[in-house]
Amino acid sequence: MSTILIIILILLLIGALPNWGYSRGWGYGPGGIVGVLLIIVIVLALTGRL
């Protein structure tokens, strides 16, 4: 379950990067939020709490 969640968060992080045409006006906000969520999920998965 945690592997699927990590993969989904990685895909969201790639989609939220401002390199893509549709997300250029968003800035770094969505990418930063998804990145923080990804770090939290990875830490929880490594500690065994997820």
PDB file of N, CA and C in Angstrom:
ATOM      1  N   MET A   1       0.822  -1.195   0.000  1.00  0.00           N
ATOM      2  CA  MET A   1       0.000   0.000   0.000  1.00  0.00           C
ATOM      3  C   MET A   1       0.869   1.264   0.000  1.00  0.00           C
ATOM      4  N   SER A   2       1.923   1.260   0.806  1.00  0.00           N
ATOM      5  CA  SER A   2       2.762   2.451   0.868  1.00  0.00           C
ATOM      6  C   SER A   2       3.519   2.671  -0.435  1.00  0.00           C
ATOM      7  N   THR A   3       3.864   1.590  -1.129  1.00  0.00           N
ATOM      8  CA  THR A   3       4.567   1.728  -2.413  1.00  0.00           C
ATOM      9  C   THR A   3       3.673   2.414  -3.440  1.00  0.00           C
ATOM     10  N   ILE A   4       2.412   2.051  -3.469  1.00  0.00           N
ATOM     11  CA  ILE A   4       1.471   2.670  -4.403  1.00  0.00           C
ATOM     12  C   ILE A   4       1.310   4.148  -4.076  1.00  0.00           C
ATOM     13  N   LEU A   5       1.231   4.479  -2.792  1.00  0.00           N
ATOM     14  CA  LEU A   5       1.094   5.868  -2.384  1.00  0.00           C
ATOM     15  C   LEU A   5       2.322   6.690  -2.763  1.00  0.00           C
ATOM     16  N   ILE A   6       3.499   6.126  -2.598  1.00  0.00           N
ATOM     17  CA  ILE A   6       4.730   6.824  -2.976  1.00  0.00           C
ATOM     18  C   ILE A   6       4.786   7.049  -4.478  1.00  0.00           C
ATOM     19  N   ILE A   7       4.404   6.056  -5.255  1.00  0.00           N
ATOM     20  CA  ILE A   7       4.407   6.194  -6.719  1.00  0.00           C
ATOM     21  C   ILE A   7       3.425   7.269  -7.160  1.00  0.00           C
ATOM     22  N   ILE A   8       2.247   7.307  -6.560  1.00  0.00           N
ATOM     23  CA  ILE A   8       1.254   8.325  -6.909  1.00  0.00           C
ATOM     24  C   ILE A   8       1.767   9.717  -6.563  1.00  0.00           C
ATOM     25  N   LEU A   9       2.403   9.860  -5.396  1.00  0.00           N
ATOM     26  CA  LEU A   9       2.936  11.161  -5.016  1.00  0.00           C
ATOM     27  C   LEU A   9       4.080  11.606  -5.929  1.00  0.00           C
ATOM     28  N   ILE A  10       4.908  10.674  -6.372  1.00  0.00           N
ATOM     29  CA  ILE A  10       5.983  11.015  -7.312  1.00  0.00           C
ATOM     30  C   ILE A  10       5.392  11.502  -8.634  1.00  0.00           C
ATOM     31  N   LEU A  11       4.358  10.828  -9.122  1.00  0.00           N
ATOM     32  CA  LEU A  11       3.718  11.263 -10.365  1.00  0.00           C
ATOM     33  C   LEU A  11       3.073  12.633 -10.208  1.00  0.00           C
ATOM     34  N   LEU A  12       2.459  12.893  -9.044  1.00  0.00           N
ATOM     35  CA  LEU A  12       1.885  14.215  -8.800  1.00  0.00           C
ATOM     36  C   LEU A  12       2.969  15.286  -8.744  1.00  0.00           C
ATOM     37  N   LEU A  13       4.117  14.943  -8.168  1.00  0.00           N
ATOM     38  CA  LEU A  13       5.223  15.898  -8.092  1.00  0.00           C
ATOM     39  C   LEU A  13       5.734  16.248  -9.479  1.00  0.00           C
ATOM     40  N   ILE A  14       5.867  15.247 -10.336  1.00  0.00           N
ATOM     41  CA  ILE A  14       6.322  15.494 -11.712  1.00  0.00           C
ATOM     42  C   ILE A  14       5.294  16.329 -12.475  1.00  0.00           C
ATOM     43  N   GLY A  15       4.016  16.046 -12.276  1.00  0.00           N
ATOM     44  CA  GLY A  15       2.966  16.803 -12.959  1.00  0.00           C
ATOM     45  C   GLY A  15       2.831  18.230 -12.469  1.00  0.00           C
ATOM     46  N   ALA A  16       3.241  18.499 -11.238  1.00  0.00           N
ATOM     47  CA  ALA A  16       3.097  19.843 -10.673  1.00  0.00           C
ATOM     48  C   ALA A  16       4.303  20.735 -10.938  1.00  0.00           C
ATOM     49  N   LEU A  17       5.361  20.200 -11.513  1.00  0.00           N
ATOM     50  CA  LEU A  17       6.533  21.028 -11.799  1.00  0.00           C
ATOM     51  C   LEU A  17       6.180  22.078 -12.843  1.00  0.00           C
ATOM     52  N   PRO A  18       6.693  23.297 -12.678  1.00  0.00           N
ATOM     53  CA  PRO A  18       6.317  24.377 -13.601  1.00  0.00           C
ATOM     54  C   PRO A  18       6.982  24.287 -14.975  1.00  0.00           C
ATOM     55  N   ASN A  19       7.618  23.178 -15.306  1.00  0.00           N
ATOM     56  CA  ASN A  19       8.223  23.020 -16.628  1.00  0.00           C
ATOM     57  C   ASN A  19       7.175  22.774 -17.707  1.00  0.00           C
ATOM     58  N   TRP A  20       6.047  22.215 -17.314  1.00  0.00           N
ATOM     59  CA  TRP A  20       5.012  21.867 -18.272  1.00  0.00           C
ATOM     60  C   TRP A  20       4.191  23.101 -18.626  1.00  0.00           C
ATOM     61  N   GLY A  21       3.650  23.114 -19.817  1.00  0.00           N
ATOM     62  CA  GLY A  21       2.905  24.276 -20.295  1.00  0.00           C
ATOM     63  C   GLY A  21       1.681  24.616 -19.472  1.00  0.00           C
ATOM     64  N   TYR A  22       0.919  23.614 -19.055  1.00  0.00           N
ATOM     65  CA  TYR A  22      -0.315  23.881 -18.334  1.00  0.00           C
ATOM     66  C   TYR A  22      -0.071  24.320 -16.895  1.00  0.00           C
ATOM     67  N   SER A  23       1.107  24.051 -16.349  1.00  0.00           N
ATOM     68  CA  SER A  23       1.364  24.400 -14.952  1.00  0.00           C
ATOM     69  C   SER A  23       2.394  25.525 -14.809  1.00  0.00           C
ATOM     70  N   ARG A  24       2.717  26.194 -15.882  1.00  0.00           N
ATOM     71  CA  ARG A  24       3.751  27.230 -15.835  1.00  0.00           C
ATOM     72  C   ARG A  24       3.339  28.394 -14.925  1.00  0.00           C
ATOM     73  N   GLY A  25       2.068  28.751 -14.916  1.00  0.00           N
ATOM     74  CA  GLY A  25       1.595  29.872 -14.108  1.00  0.00           C
ATOM     75  C   GLY A  25       1.400  29.531 -12.642  1.00  0.00           C
ATOM     76  N   TRP A  26       1.510  28.282 -12.263  1.00  0.00           N
ATOM     77  CA  TRP A  26       1.270  27.876 -10.873  1.00  0.00           C
ATOM     78  C   TRP A  26       2.422  28.246  -9.963  1.00  0.00           C
ATOM     79  N   GLY A  27       3.620  28.347 -10.489  1.00  0.00           N
ATOM     80  CA  GLY A  27       4.792  28.593  -9.664  1.00  0.00           C
ATOM     81  C   GLY A  27       5.261  27.289  -9.013  1.00  0.00           C
ATOM     82  N   TYR A  28       5.998  27.416  -7.923  1.00  0.00           N
ATOM     83  CA  TYR A  28       6.560  26.239  -7.271  1.00  0.00           C
ATOM     84  C   TYR A  28       5.705  25.746  -6.105  1.00  0.00           C
ATOM     85  N   GLY A  29       4.571  26.372  -5.844  1.00  0.00           N
ATOM     86  CA  GLY A  29       3.714  25.988  -4.721  1.00  0.00           C
ATOM     87  C   GLY A  29       3.242  24.543  -4.750  1.00  0.00           C
ATOM     88  N   PRO A  30       2.571  24.099  -5.808  1.00  0.00           N
ATOM     89  CA  PRO A  30       2.081  22.719  -5.842  1.00  0.00           C
ATOM     90  C   PRO A  30       3.201  21.685  -5.789  1.00  0.00           C
ATOM     91  N   GLY A  31       4.287  21.956  -6.461  1.00  0.00           N
ATOM     92  CA  GLY A  31       5.422  21.031  -6.433  1.00  0.00           C
ATOM     93  C   GLY A  31       6.029  20.923  -5.047  1.00  0.00           C
ATOM     94  N   GLY A  32       6.095  22.050  -4.360  1.00  0.00           N
ATOM     95  CA  GLY A  32       6.631  22.055  -3.006  1.00  0.00           C
ATOM     96  C   GLY A  32       5.743  21.311  -2.036  1.00  0.00           C
ATOM     97  N   ILE A  33       4.435  21.498  -2.166  1.00  0.00           N
ATOM     98  CA  ILE A  33       3.480  20.819  -1.281  1.00  0.00           C
ATOM     99  C   ILE A  33       3.531  19.315  -1.502  1.00  0.00           C
ATOM    100  N   VAL A  34       3.523  18.897  -2.759  1.00  0.00           N
ATOM    101  CA  VAL A  34       3.581  17.468  -3.054  1.00  0.00           C
ATOM    102  C   VAL A  34       4.929  16.887  -2.628  1.00  0.00           C
ATOM    103  N   GLY A  35       5.996  17.659  -2.770  1.00  0.00           N
ATOM    104  CA  GLY A  35       7.312  17.204  -2.330  1.00  0.00           C
ATOM    105  C   GLY A  35       7.374  16.973  -0.834  1.00  0.00           C
ATOM    106  N   VAL A  36       6.783  17.880  -0.062  1.00  0.00           N
ATOM    107  CA  VAL A  36       6.742  17.709   1.393  1.00  0.00           C
ATOM    108  C   VAL A  36       5.913  16.486   1.764  1.00  0.00           C
ATOM    109  N   LEU A  37       4.773  16.299   1.094  1.00  0.00           N
ATOM    110  CA  LEU A  37       3.959  15.107   1.345  1.00  0.00           C
ATOM    111  C   LEU A  37       4.725  13.832   1.015  1.00  0.00           C
ATOM    112  N   LEU A  38       5.494  13.861  -0.068  1.00  0.00           N
ATOM    113  CA  LEU A  38       6.286  12.702  -0.459  1.00  0.00           C
ATOM    114  C   LEU A  38       7.343  12.380   0.593  1.00  0.00           C
ATOM    115  N   ILE A  39       8.004  13.397   1.110  1.00  0.00           N
ATOM    116  CA  ILE A  39       9.009  13.175   2.155  1.00  0.00           C
ATOM    117  C   ILE A  39       8.366  12.602   3.410  1.00  0.00           C
ATOM    118  N   ILE A  40       7.209  13.117   3.794  1.00  0.00           N
ATOM    119  CA  ILE A  40       6.512  12.610   4.983  1.00  0.00           C
ATOM    120  C   ILE A  40       6.127  11.151   4.805  1.00  0.00           C
ATOM    121  N   VAL A  41       5.594  10.802   3.642  1.00  0.00           N
ATOM    122  CA  VAL A  41       5.185   9.412   3.386  1.00  0.00           C
ATOM    123  C   VAL A  41       6.395   8.485   3.377  1.00  0.00           C
ATOM    124  N   ILE A  42       7.504   8.926   2.795  1.00  0.00           N
ATOM    125  CA  ILE A  42       8.712   8.095   2.769  1.00  0.00           C
ATOM    126  C   ILE A  42       9.227   7.869   4.191  1.00  0.00           C
ATOM    127  N   VAL A  43       9.252   8.915   5.001  1.00  0.00           N
ATOM    128  CA  VAL A  43       9.706   8.764   6.388  1.00  0.00           C
ATOM    129  C   VAL A  43       8.786   7.828   7.160  1.00  0.00           C
ATOM    130  N   LEU A  44       7.485   7.972   6.998  1.00  0.00           N
ATOM    131  CA  LEU A  44       6.534   7.096   7.679  1.00  0.00           C
ATOM    132  C   LEU A  44       6.695   5.647   7.212  1.00  0.00           C
ATOM    133  N   ALA A  45       6.944   5.459   5.912  1.00  0.00           N
ATOM    134  CA  ALA A  45       7.119   4.106   5.389  1.00  0.00           C
ATOM    135  C   ALA A  45       8.403   3.470   5.928  1.00  0.00           C
ATOM    136  N   LEU A  46       9.465   4.272   6.037  1.00  0.00           N
ATOM    137  CA  LEU A  46      10.731   3.736   6.531  1.00  0.00           C
ATOM    138  C   LEU A  46      10.683   3.417   8.027  1.00  0.00           C
ATOM    139  N   THR A  47       9.896   4.165   8.781  1.00  0.00           N
ATOM    140  CA  THR A  47       9.775   3.902  10.214  1.00  0.00           C
ATOM    141  C   THR A  47       8.739   2.836  10.522  1.00  0.00           C
ATOM    142  N   GLY A  48       7.980   2.413   9.523  1.00  0.00           N
ATOM    143  CA  GLY A  48       7.005   1.349   9.710  1.00  0.00           C
ATOM    144  C   GLY A  48       5.670   1.800  10.273  1.00  0.00           C
ATOM    145  N   ARG A  49       5.382   3.074  10.227  1.00  0.00           N
ATOM    146  CA  ARG A  49       4.114   3.586  10.754  1.00  0.00           C
ATOM    147  C   ARG A  49       3.038   3.752   9.685  1.00  0.00           C
ATOM    148  N   LEU A  50       3.346   3.384   8.488  1.00  0.00           N
ATOM    149  CA  LEU A  50       2.372   3.523   7.398  1.00  0.00           C
ATOM    150  C   LEU A  50       1.881   2.166   6.984  1.00  0.00           C
TER     151      LEU A  50
END
